[in-house]
mmCIF file of all heavy atoms, coordinates in Angstrom:
data_MODEL
# 
_entry.id   MODEL 
# 
loop_
_atom_site.group_PDB 
_atom_site.id 
_atom_site.type_symbol 
_atom_site.label_atom_id 
_atom_site.label_alt_id 
_atom_site.label_comp_id 
_atom_site.label_asym_id 
_atom_site.label_entity_id 
_atom_site.label_seq_id 
_atom_site.pdbx_PDB_ins_code 
_atom_site.Cartn_x 
_atom_site.Cartn_y 
_atom_site.Cartn_z 
_atom_site.occupancy 
_atom_site.B_iso_or_equiv 
_atom_site.pdbx_formal_charge 
_atom_site.auth_seq_id 
_atom_site.auth_comp_id 
_atom_site.auth_asym_id 
_atom_site.auth_atom_id 
_atom_site.pdbx_PDB_model_num 
ATOM 1   N N   . VAL A 1 1  ? 11.327 -88.052  -119.734 1.00 0.00 ? 1  VAL A N   1 
ATOM 2   C CA  . VAL A 1 1  ? 10.895 -88.396  -118.540 1.00 0.00 ? 1  VAL A CA  1 
ATOM 3   C C   . VAL A 1 1  ? 10.445 -89.870  -118.548 1.00 0.00 ? 1  VAL A C   1 
ATOM 4   O O   . VAL A 1 1  ? 9.703  -90.270  -119.511 1.00 0.00 ? 1  VAL A O   1 
ATOM 5   C CB  . VAL A 1 1  ? 9.672  -87.521  -118.028 1.00 0.00 ? 1  VAL A CB  1 
ATOM 6   C CG1 . VAL A 1 1  ? 9.129  -88.001  -116.635 1.00 0.00 ? 1  VAL A CG1 1 
ATOM 7   C CG2 . VAL A 1 1  ? 10.112 -86.133  -117.954 1.00 0.00 ? 1  VAL A CG2 1 
ATOM 8   N N   . ARG A 1 2  ? 10.881 -90.685  -117.690 1.00 0.00 ? 2  ARG A N   1 
ATOM 9   C CA  . ARG A 1 2  ? 10.540 -92.186  -117.628 1.00 0.00 ? 2  ARG A CA  1 
ATOM 10  C C   . ARG A 1 2  ? 9.850  -92.386  -116.259 1.00 0.00 ? 2  ARG A C   1 
ATOM 11  O O   . ARG A 1 2  ? 10.398 -91.986  -115.237 1.00 0.00 ? 2  ARG A O   1 
ATOM 12  C CB  . ARG A 1 2  ? 11.599 -93.082  -117.982 1.00 0.00 ? 2  ARG A CB  1 
ATOM 13  C CG  . ARG A 1 2  ? 12.651 -93.160  -117.000 1.00 0.00 ? 2  ARG A CG  1 
ATOM 14  C CD  . ARG A 1 2  ? 13.679 -94.189  -117.492 1.00 0.00 ? 2  ARG A CD  1 
ATOM 15  N NE  . ARG A 1 2  ? 14.851 -94.212  -116.569 1.00 0.00 ? 2  ARG A NE  1 
ATOM 16  C CZ  . ARG A 1 2  ? 15.827 -95.014  -116.496 1.00 0.00 ? 2  ARG A CZ  1 
ATOM 17  N NH1 . ARG A 1 2  ? 15.741 -96.136  -117.398 1.00 0.00 ? 2  ARG A NH1 1 
ATOM 18  N NH2 . ARG A 1 2  ? 16.830 -95.003  -115.659 1.00 0.00 ? 2  ARG A NH2 1 
ATOM 19  N N   . ILE A 1 3  ? 8.721  -93.176  -116.299 1.00 0.00 ? 3  ILE A N   1 
ATOM 20  C CA  . ILE A 1 3  ? 8.076  -93.579  -115.100 1.00 0.00 ? 3  ILE A CA  1 
ATOM 21  C C   . ILE A 1 3  ? 8.278  -94.998  -114.935 1.00 0.00 ? 3  ILE A C   1 
ATOM 22  O O   . ILE A 1 3  ? 8.081  -95.772  -115.729 1.00 0.00 ? 3  ILE A O   1 
ATOM 23  C CB  . ILE A 1 3  ? 6.561  -93.397  -115.284 1.00 0.00 ? 3  ILE A CB  1 
ATOM 24  C CG1 . ILE A 1 3  ? 6.211  -92.045  -115.773 1.00 0.00 ? 3  ILE A CG1 1 
ATOM 25  C CG2 . ILE A 1 3  ? 5.797  -93.773  -113.939 1.00 0.00 ? 3  ILE A CG2 1 
ATOM 26  C CD1 . ILE A 1 3  ? 6.473  -90.852  -114.883 1.00 0.00 ? 3  ILE A CD1 1 
ATOM 27  N N   . ILE A 1 4  ? 8.678  -95.408  -113.609 1.00 0.00 ? 4  ILE A N   1 
ATOM 28  C CA  . ILE A 1 4  ? 9.043  -96.779  -113.416 1.00 0.00 ? 4  ILE A CA  1 
ATOM 29  C C   . ILE A 1 4  ? 8.212  -97.224  -112.188 1.00 0.00 ? 4  ILE A C   1 
ATOM 30  O O   . ILE A 1 4  ? 8.131  -96.541  -111.105 1.00 0.00 ? 4  ILE A O   1 
ATOM 31  C CB  . ILE A 1 4  ? 10.446 -96.998  -113.076 1.00 0.00 ? 4  ILE A CB  1 
ATOM 32  C CG1 . ILE A 1 4  ? 11.331 -96.519  -114.362 1.00 0.00 ? 4  ILE A CG1 1 
ATOM 33  C CG2 . ILE A 1 4  ? 10.732 -98.405  -112.701 1.00 0.00 ? 4  ILE A CG2 1 
ATOM 34  C CD1 . ILE A 1 4  ? 12.855 -96.536  -114.072 1.00 0.00 ? 4  ILE A CD1 1 
ATOM 35  N N   . ARG A 1 5  ? 7.428  -98.286  -112.309 1.00 0.00 ? 5  ARG A N   1 
ATOM 36  C CA  . ARG A 1 5  ? 6.662  -98.881  -111.200 1.00 0.00 ? 5  ARG A CA  1 
ATOM 37  C C   . ARG A 1 5  ? 7.355  -100.115 -110.714 1.00 0.00 ? 5  ARG A C   1 
ATOM 38  O O   . ARG A 1 5  ? 7.594  -101.081 -111.485 1.00 0.00 ? 5  ARG A O   1 
ATOM 39  C CB  . ARG A 1 5  ? 5.195  -99.168  -111.769 1.00 0.00 ? 5  ARG A CB  1 
ATOM 40  C CG  . ARG A 1 5  ? 4.471  -98.013  -112.283 1.00 0.00 ? 5  ARG A CG  1 
ATOM 41  C CD  . ARG A 1 5  ? 3.994  -97.081  -111.205 1.00 0.00 ? 5  ARG A CD  1 
ATOM 42  N NE  . ARG A 1 5  ? 3.171  -96.005  -111.704 1.00 0.00 ? 5  ARG A NE  1 
ATOM 43  C CZ  . ARG A 1 5  ? 2.931  -94.924  -111.051 1.00 0.00 ? 5  ARG A CZ  1 
ATOM 44  N NH1 . ARG A 1 5  ? 3.299  -94.734  -109.833 1.00 0.00 ? 5  ARG A NH1 1 
ATOM 45  N NH2 . ARG A 1 5  ? 2.162  -93.986  -111.627 1.00 0.00 ? 5  ARG A NH2 1 
ATOM 46  N N   . LEU A 1 6  ? 7.746  -100.083 -109.426 1.00 0.00 ? 6  LEU A N   1 
ATOM 47  C CA  . LEU A 1 6  ? 8.429  -101.232 -108.887 1.00 0.00 ? 6  LEU A CA  1 
ATOM 48  C C   . LEU A 1 6  ? 7.613  -101.751 -107.693 1.00 0.00 ? 6  LEU A C   1 
ATOM 49  O O   . LEU A 1 6  ? 6.919  -101.023 -107.066 1.00 0.00 ? 6  LEU A O   1 
ATOM 50  C CB  . LEU A 1 6  ? 9.862  -100.874 -108.403 1.00 0.00 ? 6  LEU A CB  1 
ATOM 51  C CG  . LEU A 1 6  ? 10.855 -100.241 -109.489 1.00 0.00 ? 6  LEU A CG  1 
ATOM 52  C CD1 . LEU A 1 6  ? 12.072 -99.770  -108.866 1.00 0.00 ? 6  LEU A CD1 1 
ATOM 53  C CD2 . LEU A 1 6  ? 11.166 -101.426 -110.429 1.00 0.00 ? 6  LEU A CD2 1 
ATOM 54  N N   . ALA A 1 7  ? 7.828  -102.992 -107.274 1.00 0.00 ? 7  ALA A N   1 
ATOM 55  C CA  . ALA A 1 7  ? 7.196  -103.641 -106.208 1.00 0.00 ? 7  ALA A CA  1 
ATOM 56  C C   . ALA A 1 7  ? 7.770  -102.995 -104.894 1.00 0.00 ? 7  ALA A C   1 
ATOM 57  O O   . ALA A 1 7  ? 9.020  -102.637 -104.839 1.00 0.00 ? 7  ALA A O   1 
ATOM 58  C CB  . ALA A 1 7  ? 7.429  -105.161 -106.185 1.00 0.00 ? 7  ALA A CB  1 
ATOM 59  N N   . GLN A 1 8  ? 6.960  -102.853 -103.890 1.00 0.00 ? 8  GLN A N   1 
ATOM 60  C CA  . GLN A 1 8  ? 7.324  -102.327 -102.662 1.00 0.00 ? 8  GLN A CA  1 
ATOM 61  C C   . GLN A 1 8  ? 7.930  -103.493 -101.821 1.00 0.00 ? 8  GLN A C   1 
ATOM 62  O O   . GLN A 1 8  ? 7.542  -104.505 -101.975 1.00 0.00 ? 8  GLN A O   1 
ATOM 63  C CB  . GLN A 1 8  ? 6.153  -101.658 -101.911 1.00 0.00 ? 8  GLN A CB  1 
ATOM 64  C CG  . GLN A 1 8  ? 5.475  -100.520 -102.693 1.00 0.00 ? 8  GLN A CG  1 
ATOM 65  C CD  . GLN A 1 8  ? 6.389  -99.276  -102.734 1.00 0.00 ? 8  GLN A CD  1 
ATOM 66  O OE1 . GLN A 1 8  ? 7.186  -98.957  -101.830 1.00 0.00 ? 8  GLN A OE1 1 
ATOM 67  N NE2 . GLN A 1 8  ? 6.120  -98.530  -103.727 1.00 0.00 ? 8  GLN A NE2 1 
ATOM 68  N N   . ASN A 1 9  ? 8.863  -103.023 -100.936 1.00 0.00 ? 9  ASN A N   1 
ATOM 69  C CA  . ASN A 1 9  ? 9.527  -104.052 -100.048 1.00 0.00 ? 9  ASN A CA  1 
ATOM 70  C C   . ASN A 1 9  ? 10.167 -105.096 -100.779 1.00 0.00 ? 9  ASN A C   1 
ATOM 71  O O   . ASN A 1 9  ? 10.058 -106.323 -100.320 1.00 0.00 ? 9  ASN A O   1 
ATOM 72  C CB  . ASN A 1 9  ? 8.551  -104.600 -99.014  1.00 0.00 ? 9  ASN A CB  1 
ATOM 73  C CG  . ASN A 1 9  ? 7.926  -103.438 -98.157  1.00 0.00 ? 9  ASN A CG  1 
ATOM 74  O OD1 . ASN A 1 9  ? 8.620  -102.544 -97.774  1.00 0.00 ? 9  ASN A OD1 1 
ATOM 75  N ND2 . ASN A 1 9  ? 6.569  -103.484 -97.903  1.00 0.00 ? 9  ASN A ND2 1 
ATOM 76  N N   . SER A 1 10 ? 10.919 -104.919 -101.761 1.00 0.00 ? 10 SER A N   1 
ATOM 77  C CA  . SER A 1 10 ? 11.616 -105.960 -102.548 1.00 0.00 ? 10 SER A CA  1 
ATOM 78  C C   . SER A 1 10 ? 13.094 -105.667 -102.570 1.00 0.00 ? 10 SER A C   1 
ATOM 79  O O   . SER A 1 10 ? 13.472 -104.474 -102.832 1.00 0.00 ? 10 SER A O   1 
ATOM 80  C CB  . SER A 1 10 ? 11.033 -106.019 -103.932 1.00 0.00 ? 10 SER A CB  1 
ATOM 81  O OG  . SER A 1 10 ? 11.850 -106.866 -104.715 1.00 0.00 ? 10 SER A OG  1 
ATOM 82  N N   . GLU A 1 11 ? 13.931 -106.676 -102.479 1.00 0.00 ? 11 GLU A N   1 
ATOM 83  C CA  . GLU A 1 11 ? 15.319 -106.484 -102.523 1.00 0.00 ? 11 GLU A CA  1 
ATOM 84  C C   . GLU A 1 11 ? 15.774 -106.032 -103.916 1.00 0.00 ? 11 GLU A C   1 
ATOM 85  O O   . GLU A 1 11 ? 16.666 -105.252 -104.170 1.00 0.00 ? 11 GLU A O   1 
ATOM 86  C CB  . GLU A 1 11 ? 16.097 -107.841 -102.137 1.00 0.00 ? 11 GLU A CB  1 
ATOM 87  C CG  . GLU A 1 11 ? 17.572 -107.714 -102.140 1.00 0.00 ? 11 GLU A CG  1 
ATOM 88  C CD  . GLU A 1 11 ? 18.117 -106.709 -101.140 1.00 0.00 ? 11 GLU A CD  1 
ATOM 89  O OE1 . GLU A 1 11 ? 17.468 -106.645 -100.119 1.00 0.00 ? 11 GLU A OE1 1 
ATOM 90  O OE2 . GLU A 1 11 ? 19.230 -106.117 -101.340 1.00 0.00 ? 11 GLU A OE2 1 
ATOM 91  N N   . ALA A 1 12 ? 15.006 -106.636 -104.950 1.00 0.00 ? 12 ALA A N   1 
ATOM 92  C CA  . ALA A 1 12 ? 15.367 -106.261 -106.382 1.00 0.00 ? 12 ALA A CA  1 
ATOM 93  C C   . ALA A 1 12 ? 15.073 -104.639 -106.622 1.00 0.00 ? 12 ALA A C   1 
ATOM 94  O O   . ALA A 1 12 ? 15.721 -104.080 -107.364 1.00 0.00 ? 12 ALA A O   1 
ATOM 95  C CB  . ALA A 1 12 ? 14.485 -107.112 -107.296 1.00 0.00 ? 12 ALA A CB  1 
ATOM 96  N N   . THR A 1 13 ? 13.949 -104.167 -105.984 1.00 0.00 ? 13 THR A N   1 
ATOM 97  C CA  . THR A 1 13 ? 13.618 -102.828 -106.070 1.00 0.00 ? 13 THR A CA  1 
ATOM 98  C C   . THR A 1 13 ? 14.763 -101.945 -105.401 1.00 0.00 ? 13 THR A C   1 
ATOM 99  O O   . THR A 1 13 ? 15.150 -101.038 -106.092 1.00 0.00 ? 13 THR A O   1 
ATOM 100 C CB  . THR A 1 13 ? 12.281 -102.510 -105.323 1.00 0.00 ? 13 THR A CB  1 
ATOM 101 O OG1 . THR A 1 13 ? 11.299 -103.296 -105.950 1.00 0.00 ? 13 THR A OG1 1 
ATOM 102 C CG2 . THR A 1 13 ? 11.971 -101.030 -105.322 1.00 0.00 ? 13 THR A CG2 1 
ATOM 103 N N   . THR A 1 14 ? 15.265 -102.309 -104.360 1.00 0.00 ? 14 THR A N   1 
ATOM 104 C CA  . THR A 1 14 ? 16.442 -101.648 -103.685 1.00 0.00 ? 14 THR A CA  1 
ATOM 105 C C   . THR A 1 14 ? 17.616 -101.521 -104.665 1.00 0.00 ? 14 THR A C   1 
ATOM 106 O O   . THR A 1 14 ? 18.215 -100.392 -104.831 1.00 0.00 ? 14 THR A O   1 
ATOM 107 C CB  . THR A 1 14 ? 16.718 -102.190 -102.366 1.00 0.00 ? 14 THR A CB  1 
ATOM 108 O OG1 . THR A 1 14 ? 15.530 -102.163 -101.531 1.00 0.00 ? 14 THR A OG1 1 
ATOM 109 C CG2 . THR A 1 14 ? 17.816 -101.360 -101.697 1.00 0.00 ? 14 THR A CG2 1 
ATOM 110 N N   . ARG A 1 15 ? 18.028 -102.759 -105.231 1.00 0.00 ? 15 ARG A N   1 
ATOM 111 C CA  . ARG A 1 15 ? 19.011 -102.781 -106.094 1.00 0.00 ? 15 ARG A CA  1 
ATOM 112 C C   . ARG A 1 15 ? 18.800 -101.972 -107.296 1.00 0.00 ? 15 ARG A C   1 
ATOM 113 O O   . ARG A 1 15 ? 19.710 -101.277 -107.824 1.00 0.00 ? 15 ARG A O   1 
ATOM 114 C CB  . ARG A 1 15 ? 19.273 -104.162 -106.551 1.00 0.00 ? 15 ARG A CB  1 
ATOM 115 C CG  . ARG A 1 15 ? 19.992 -105.015 -105.431 1.00 0.00 ? 15 ARG A CG  1 
ATOM 116 C CD  . ARG A 1 15 ? 20.595 -106.318 -105.862 1.00 0.00 ? 15 ARG A CD  1 
ATOM 117 N NE  . ARG A 1 15 ? 19.635 -107.102 -106.680 1.00 0.00 ? 15 ARG A NE  1 
ATOM 118 C CZ  . ARG A 1 15 ? 18.757 -108.016 -106.152 1.00 0.00 ? 15 ARG A CZ  1 
ATOM 119 N NH1 . ARG A 1 15 ? 18.896 -108.272 -104.861 1.00 0.00 ? 15 ARG A NH1 1 
ATOM 120 N NH2 . ARG A 1 15 ? 17.995 -108.724 -106.948 1.00 0.00 ? 15 ARG A NH2 1 
ATOM 121 N N   . TYR A 1 16 ? 17.687 -101.887 -107.865 1.00 0.00 ? 16 TYR A N   1 
ATOM 122 C CA  . TYR A 1 16 ? 17.311 -101.178 -109.038 1.00 0.00 ? 16 TYR A CA  1 
ATOM 123 C C   . TYR A 1 16 ? 17.522 -99.688  -108.804 1.00 0.00 ? 16 TYR A C   1 
ATOM 124 O O   . TYR A 1 16 ? 17.991 -98.940  -109.626 1.00 0.00 ? 16 TYR A O   1 
ATOM 125 C CB  . TYR A 1 16 ? 15.934 -101.489 -109.588 1.00 0.00 ? 16 TYR A CB  1 
ATOM 126 C CG  . TYR A 1 16 ? 15.644 -100.931 -110.975 1.00 0.00 ? 16 TYR A CG  1 
ATOM 127 C CD1 . TYR A 1 16 ? 16.056 -101.521 -112.152 1.00 0.00 ? 16 TYR A CD1 1 
ATOM 128 C CD2 . TYR A 1 16 ? 14.968 -99.605  -111.090 1.00 0.00 ? 16 TYR A CD2 1 
ATOM 129 C CE1 . TYR A 1 16 ? 15.727 -100.965 -113.386 1.00 0.00 ? 16 TYR A CE1 1 
ATOM 130 C CE2 . TYR A 1 16 ? 14.803 -99.083  -112.274 1.00 0.00 ? 16 TYR A CE2 1 
ATOM 131 C CZ  . TYR A 1 16 ? 15.105 -99.739  -113.497 1.00 0.00 ? 16 TYR A CZ  1 
ATOM 132 O OH  . TYR A 1 16 ? 14.975 -99.170  -114.671 1.00 0.00 ? 16 TYR A OH  1 
ATOM 133 N N   . ILE A 1 17 ? 16.972 -99.161  -107.691 1.00 0.00 ? 17 ILE A N   1 
ATOM 134 C CA  . ILE A 1 17 ? 17.074 -97.839  -107.328 1.00 0.00 ? 17 ILE A CA  1 
ATOM 135 C C   . ILE A 1 17 ? 18.466 -97.424  -107.219 1.00 0.00 ? 17 ILE A C   1 
ATOM 136 O O   . ILE A 1 17 ? 18.917 -96.455  -107.658 1.00 0.00 ? 17 ILE A O   1 
ATOM 137 C CB  . ILE A 1 17 ? 16.251 -97.480  -106.009 1.00 0.00 ? 17 ILE A CB  1 
ATOM 138 C CG1 . ILE A 1 17 ? 14.778 -97.644  -106.143 1.00 0.00 ? 17 ILE A CG1 1 
ATOM 139 C CG2 . ILE A 1 17 ? 16.574 -96.057  -105.509 1.00 0.00 ? 17 ILE A CG2 1 
ATOM 140 C CD1 . ILE A 1 17 ? 14.010 -97.619  -104.978 1.00 0.00 ? 17 ILE A CD1 1 
ATOM 141 N N   . GLN A 1 18 ? 19.351 -98.241  -106.571 1.00 0.00 ? 18 GLN A N   1 
ATOM 142 C CA  . GLN A 1 18 ? 20.802 -97.951  -106.473 1.00 0.00 ? 18 GLN A CA  1 
ATOM 143 C C   . GLN A 1 18 ? 21.448 -97.899  -107.854 1.00 0.00 ? 18 GLN A C   1 
ATOM 144 O O   . GLN A 1 18 ? 22.200 -96.979  -108.114 1.00 0.00 ? 18 GLN A O   1 
ATOM 145 C CB  . GLN A 1 18 ? 21.434 -98.986  -105.619 1.00 0.00 ? 18 GLN A CB  1 
ATOM 146 C CG  . GLN A 1 18 ? 22.900 -98.758  -105.427 1.00 0.00 ? 18 GLN A CG  1 
ATOM 147 C CD  . GLN A 1 18 ? 23.516 -99.621  -104.347 1.00 0.00 ? 18 GLN A CD  1 
ATOM 148 O OE1 . GLN A 1 18 ? 22.860 -100.232 -103.500 1.00 0.00 ? 18 GLN A OE1 1 
ATOM 149 N NE2 . GLN A 1 18 ? 24.762 -99.686  -104.398 1.00 0.00 ? 18 GLN A NE2 1 
ATOM 150 N N   . ARG A 1 19 ? 21.072 -98.774  -108.728 1.00 0.00 ? 19 ARG A N   1 
ATOM 151 C CA  . ARG A 1 19 ? 21.671 -98.656  -110.109 1.00 0.00 ? 19 ARG A CA  1 
ATOM 152 C C   . ARG A 1 19 ? 21.230 -97.369  -110.782 1.00 0.00 ? 19 ARG A C   1 
ATOM 153 O O   . ARG A 1 19 ? 21.985 -96.731  -111.477 1.00 0.00 ? 19 ARG A O   1 
ATOM 154 C CB  . ARG A 1 19 ? 21.228 -99.829  -110.974 1.00 0.00 ? 19 ARG A CB  1 
ATOM 155 C CG  . ARG A 1 19 ? 22.005 -101.154 -110.633 1.00 0.00 ? 19 ARG A CG  1 
ATOM 156 C CD  . ARG A 1 19 ? 21.852 -102.132 -111.837 1.00 0.00 ? 19 ARG A CD  1 
ATOM 157 N NE  . ARG A 1 19 ? 20.552 -102.399 -112.064 1.00 0.00 ? 19 ARG A NE  1 
ATOM 158 C CZ  . ARG A 1 19 ? 19.858 -103.567 -111.747 1.00 0.00 ? 19 ARG A CZ  1 
ATOM 159 N NH1 . ARG A 1 19 ? 20.584 -104.375 -111.006 1.00 0.00 ? 19 ARG A NH1 1 
ATOM 160 N NH2 . ARG A 1 19 ? 18.648 -103.720 -111.946 1.00 0.00 ? 19 ARG A NH2 1 
ATOM 161 N N   . CYS A 1 20 ? 20.010 -97.011  -110.630 1.00 0.00 ? 20 CYS A N   1 
ATOM 162 C CA  . CYS A 1 20 ? 19.497 -95.678  -111.267 1.00 0.00 ? 20 CYS A CA  1 
ATOM 163 C C   . CYS A 1 20 ? 20.217 -94.428  -110.819 1.00 0.00 ? 20 CYS A C   1 
ATOM 164 O O   . CYS A 1 20 ? 20.595 -93.653  -111.649 1.00 0.00 ? 20 CYS A O   1 
ATOM 165 C CB  . CYS A 1 20 ? 18.030 -95.535  -110.980 1.00 0.00 ? 20 CYS A CB  1 
ATOM 166 S SG  . CYS A 1 20 ? 16.920 -96.564  -112.056 1.00 0.00 ? 20 CYS A SG  1 
ATOM 167 N N   . VAL A 1 21 ? 20.536 -94.443  -109.612 1.00 0.00 ? 21 VAL A N   1 
ATOM 168 C CA  . VAL A 1 21 ? 21.213 -93.269  -109.063 1.00 0.00 ? 21 VAL A CA  1 
ATOM 169 C C   . VAL A 1 21 ? 22.744 -93.212  -109.325 1.00 0.00 ? 21 VAL A C   1 
ATOM 170 O O   . VAL A 1 21 ? 23.372 -92.181  -109.220 1.00 0.00 ? 21 VAL A O   1 
ATOM 171 C CB  . VAL A 1 21 ? 20.994 -92.953  -107.587 1.00 0.00 ? 21 VAL A CB  1 
ATOM 172 C CG1 . VAL A 1 21 ? 19.464 -92.690  -107.338 1.00 0.00 ? 21 VAL A CG1 1 
ATOM 173 C CG2 . VAL A 1 21 ? 21.478 -94.057  -106.669 1.00 0.00 ? 21 VAL A CG2 1 
ATOM 174 N N   . GLN A 1 22 ? 23.383 -94.395  -109.584 1.00 0.00 ? 22 GLN A N   1 
ATOM 175 C CA  . GLN A 1 22 ? 24.742 -94.622  -109.703 1.00 0.00 ? 22 GLN A CA  1 
ATOM 176 C C   . GLN A 1 22 ? 25.247 -94.660  -111.238 1.00 0.00 ? 22 GLN A C   1 
ATOM 177 O O   . GLN A 1 22 ? 26.428 -94.486  -111.470 1.00 0.00 ? 22 GLN A O   1 
ATOM 178 C CB  . GLN A 1 22 ? 25.235 -95.652  -108.923 1.00 0.00 ? 22 GLN A CB  1 
ATOM 179 C CG  . GLN A 1 22 ? 25.191 -95.293  -107.420 1.00 0.00 ? 22 GLN A CG  1 
ATOM 180 C CD  . GLN A 1 22 ? 25.903 -96.373  -106.637 1.00 0.00 ? 22 GLN A CD  1 
ATOM 181 O OE1 . GLN A 1 22 ? 25.747 -97.495  -106.846 1.00 0.00 ? 22 GLN A OE1 1 
ATOM 182 N NE2 . GLN A 1 22 ? 26.697 -95.907  -105.564 1.00 0.00 ? 22 GLN A NE2 1 
ATOM 183 N N   . ASN A 1 23 ? 24.277 -95.120  -112.130 1.00 0.00 ? 23 ASN A N   1 
ATOM 184 C CA  . ASN A 1 23 ? 24.897 -95.443  -113.465 1.00 0.00 ? 23 ASN A CA  1 
ATOM 185 C C   . ASN A 1 23 ? 25.032 -94.298  -114.367 1.00 0.00 ? 23 ASN A C   1 
ATOM 186 O O   . ASN A 1 23 ? 25.600 -94.474  -115.517 1.00 0.00 ? 23 ASN A O   1 
ATOM 187 C CB  . ASN A 1 23 ? 23.925 -96.535  -114.042 1.00 0.00 ? 23 ASN A CB  1 
ATOM 188 C CG  . ASN A 1 23 ? 22.495 -95.912  -114.484 1.00 0.00 ? 23 ASN A CG  1 
ATOM 189 O OD1 . ASN A 1 23 ? 22.258 -94.749  -114.466 1.00 0.00 ? 23 ASN A OD1 1 
ATOM 190 N ND2 . ASN A 1 23 ? 21.599 -96.806  -114.767 1.00 0.00 ? 23 ASN A ND2 1 
ATOM 191 N N   . GLY A 1 24 ? 24.679 -93.137  -114.012 1.00 0.00 ? 24 GLY A N   1 
ATOM 192 C CA  . GLY A 1 24 ? 24.970 -91.881  -114.872 1.00 0.00 ? 24 GLY A CA  1 
ATOM 193 C C   . GLY A 1 24 ? 24.101 -91.624  -116.008 1.00 0.00 ? 24 GLY A C   1 
ATOM 194 O O   . GLY A 1 24 ? 24.257 -90.839  -116.840 1.00 0.00 ? 24 GLY A O   1 
ATOM 195 N N   . LYS A 1 25 ? 23.042 -92.472  -116.151 1.00 0.00 ? 25 LYS A N   1 
ATOM 196 C CA  . LYS A 1 25 ? 22.056 -92.393  -117.293 1.00 0.00 ? 25 LYS A CA  1 
ATOM 197 C C   . LYS A 1 25 ? 20.933 -91.440  -116.959 1.00 0.00 ? 25 LYS A C   1 
ATOM 198 O O   . LYS A 1 25 ? 20.159 -91.025  -117.846 1.00 0.00 ? 25 LYS A O   1 
ATOM 199 C CB  . LYS A 1 25 ? 21.567 -93.753  -117.718 1.00 0.00 ? 25 LYS A CB  1 
ATOM 200 C CG  . LYS A 1 25 ? 22.629 -94.638  -118.208 1.00 0.00 ? 25 LYS A CG  1 
ATOM 201 C CD  . LYS A 1 25 ? 22.009 -96.006  -118.608 1.00 0.00 ? 25 LYS A CD  1 
ATOM 202 C CE  . LYS A 1 25 ? 23.119 -96.847  -119.152 1.00 0.00 ? 25 LYS A CE  1 
ATOM 203 N NZ  . LYS A 1 25 ? 22.686 -98.231  -119.485 1.00 0.00 ? 25 LYS A NZ  1 
ATOM 204 N N   . SER A 1 26 ? 20.791 -91.068  -115.764 1.00 0.00 ? 26 SER A N   1 
ATOM 205 C CA  . SER A 1 26 ? 19.668 -90.126  -115.318 1.00 0.00 ? 26 SER A CA  1 
ATOM 206 C C   . SER A 1 26 ? 20.336 -88.934  -114.722 1.00 0.00 ? 26 SER A C   1 
ATOM 207 O O   . SER A 1 26 ? 21.185 -88.999  -113.957 1.00 0.00 ? 26 SER A O   1 
ATOM 208 C CB  . SER A 1 26 ? 18.742 -90.779  -114.328 1.00 0.00 ? 26 SER A CB  1 
ATOM 209 O OG  . SER A 1 26 ? 18.041 -91.828  -114.815 1.00 0.00 ? 26 SER A OG  1 
# 
C-alpha cells in the first residue's frame, strides 16, 4: 500500500493520477 499526497487543483496532479490508473503498476 502506498500513500501519495498531491497538490489540489494542479495540472501535474491530474496527469499523475492518469498515469497511476493506466500504467499497470497498481
